[in-house]
Amino acid sequence: MDIKEIISDVVGKISGNKNLIKKFKKDPLGTVKSLIGTIDLPDGALNTIVDAVKAKINLKDAGSLLGKLKGLFGKK
C-alpha cells in the first residue's frame, strides 16, 4: 500500500465519523497510527500522512462551511 492510498483510506475513515474527527484533532499521530495498524512505513512517512490528512480534513470542513454560507445568502 502506498502513502497516497493510506492517506485516502484514513481520510475516508475520519471524514464520516465525528468521534474520529475529534480524536484526530486532539491526537493526530496516535489516531493515524491506530487507523493504519502495523503497516511498515519509511522514516518520516507517518508525519507526512498526518500532515496530508490534516490538510484534506480542513479542506472538507471549509467546503462544508462554504456550503452553509451559500445557504444563508442563497437564491431569493
Protein backbone atom coordinates (compact mmCIF):
# COMPACT_ATOMS: atom_id res chain seq x y z
CA MET A 1 0.00 0.00 0.00
CA ASP A 2 1.49 3.35 -0.99
CA ILE A 3 1.27 6.56 1.01
CA LYS A 4 -1.44 8.11 -1.22
CA GLU A 5 -3.67 5.07 -0.63
CA ILE A 6 -3.07 5.25 3.11
CA ILE A 7 -3.96 8.95 3.15
CA SER A 8 -7.17 8.34 1.18
CA ASP A 9 -8.10 5.45 3.45
CA VAL A 10 -7.50 7.45 6.64
CA VAL A 11 -9.38 10.50 5.32
CA GLY A 12 -12.29 8.27 4.33
CA LYS A 13 -12.44 6.72 7.78
CA ILE A 14 -12.16 10.03 9.63
CA SER A 15 -14.44 12.14 7.42
CA GLY A 16 -17.64 10.32 8.20
CA ASN A 17 -17.06 9.91 11.90
CA LYS A 18 -17.44 12.84 14.33
CA ASN A 19 -15.74 10.92 17.15
CA LEU A 20 -12.71 10.16 14.98
CA ILE A 21 -12.52 13.78 13.86
CA LYS A 22 -12.50 14.89 17.50
CA LYS A 23 -9.88 12.25 18.36
CA PHE A 24 -7.77 13.24 15.34
CA LYS A 25 -7.84 16.91 16.32
CA LYS A 26 -6.64 16.00 19.85
CA ASP A 27 -4.02 13.41 18.84
CA PRO A 28 -3.44 13.27 15.08
CA LEU A 29 -0.41 10.97 15.21
CA GLY A 30 -2.00 8.48 17.60
CA THR A 31 -5.24 8.42 15.61
CA VAL A 32 -3.45 7.76 12.32
CA LYS A 33 -1.35 5.02 13.94
CA SER A 34 -4.48 3.33 15.28
CA LEU A 35 -6.19 3.52 11.88
CA ILE A 36 -3.35 2.18 9.75
CA GLY A 37 -2.27 -0.59 12.09
CA THR A 38 1.07 -2.27 11.55
CA ILE A 39 1.93 -1.03 8.08
CA ASP A 40 5.70 -0.75 7.63
CA LEU A 41 6.46 2.85 6.64
CA PRO A 42 9.70 4.65 5.84
CA ASP A 43 11.07 7.23 8.29
CA GLY A 44 9.05 10.44 8.29
CA ALA A 45 6.19 8.92 6.29
CA LEU A 46 3.85 8.92 9.26
CA ASN A 47 4.30 12.67 9.76
CA THR A 48 3.71 13.21 6.04
CA ILE A 49 0.49 11.20 6.27
CA VAL A 50 -0.68 13.18 9.31
CA ASP A 51 0.01 16.50 7.55
CA ALA A 52 -1.80 15.40 4.39
CA VAL A 53 -4.80 14.13 6.35
CA LYS A 54 -4.96 17.43 8.28
CA ALA A 55 -4.98 19.36 5.00
CA LYS A 56 -7.69 17.19 3.45
CA ILE A 57 -9.88 17.27 6.56
CA ASN A 58 -9.53 21.07 6.75
CA LEU A 59 -10.49 21.38 3.06
CA LYS A 60 -13.59 19.26 3.62
CA ASP A 61 -14.51 21.35 6.67
CA ALA A 62 -14.01 24.55 4.65
CA GLY A 63 -16.17 23.20 1.81
CA SER A 64 -18.92 22.30 4.23
CA LEU A 65 -18.70 25.75 5.81
CA LEU A 66 -18.89 27.42 2.40
CA GLY A 67 -21.98 25.37 1.59
CA LYS A 68 -23.64 26.61 4.77
CA LEU A 69 -22.71 30.20 3.97
CA LYS A 70 -24.15 29.86 0.47
CA GLY A 71 -27.38 28.71 2.08
CA LEU A 72 -27.51 31.91 4.11
CA PHE A 73 -27.07 34.10 1.04
CA GLY A 74 -28.78 31.76 -1.42
CA LYS A 75 -31.41 32.43 -4.03
CA LYS A 76 -34.39 34.52 -3.05
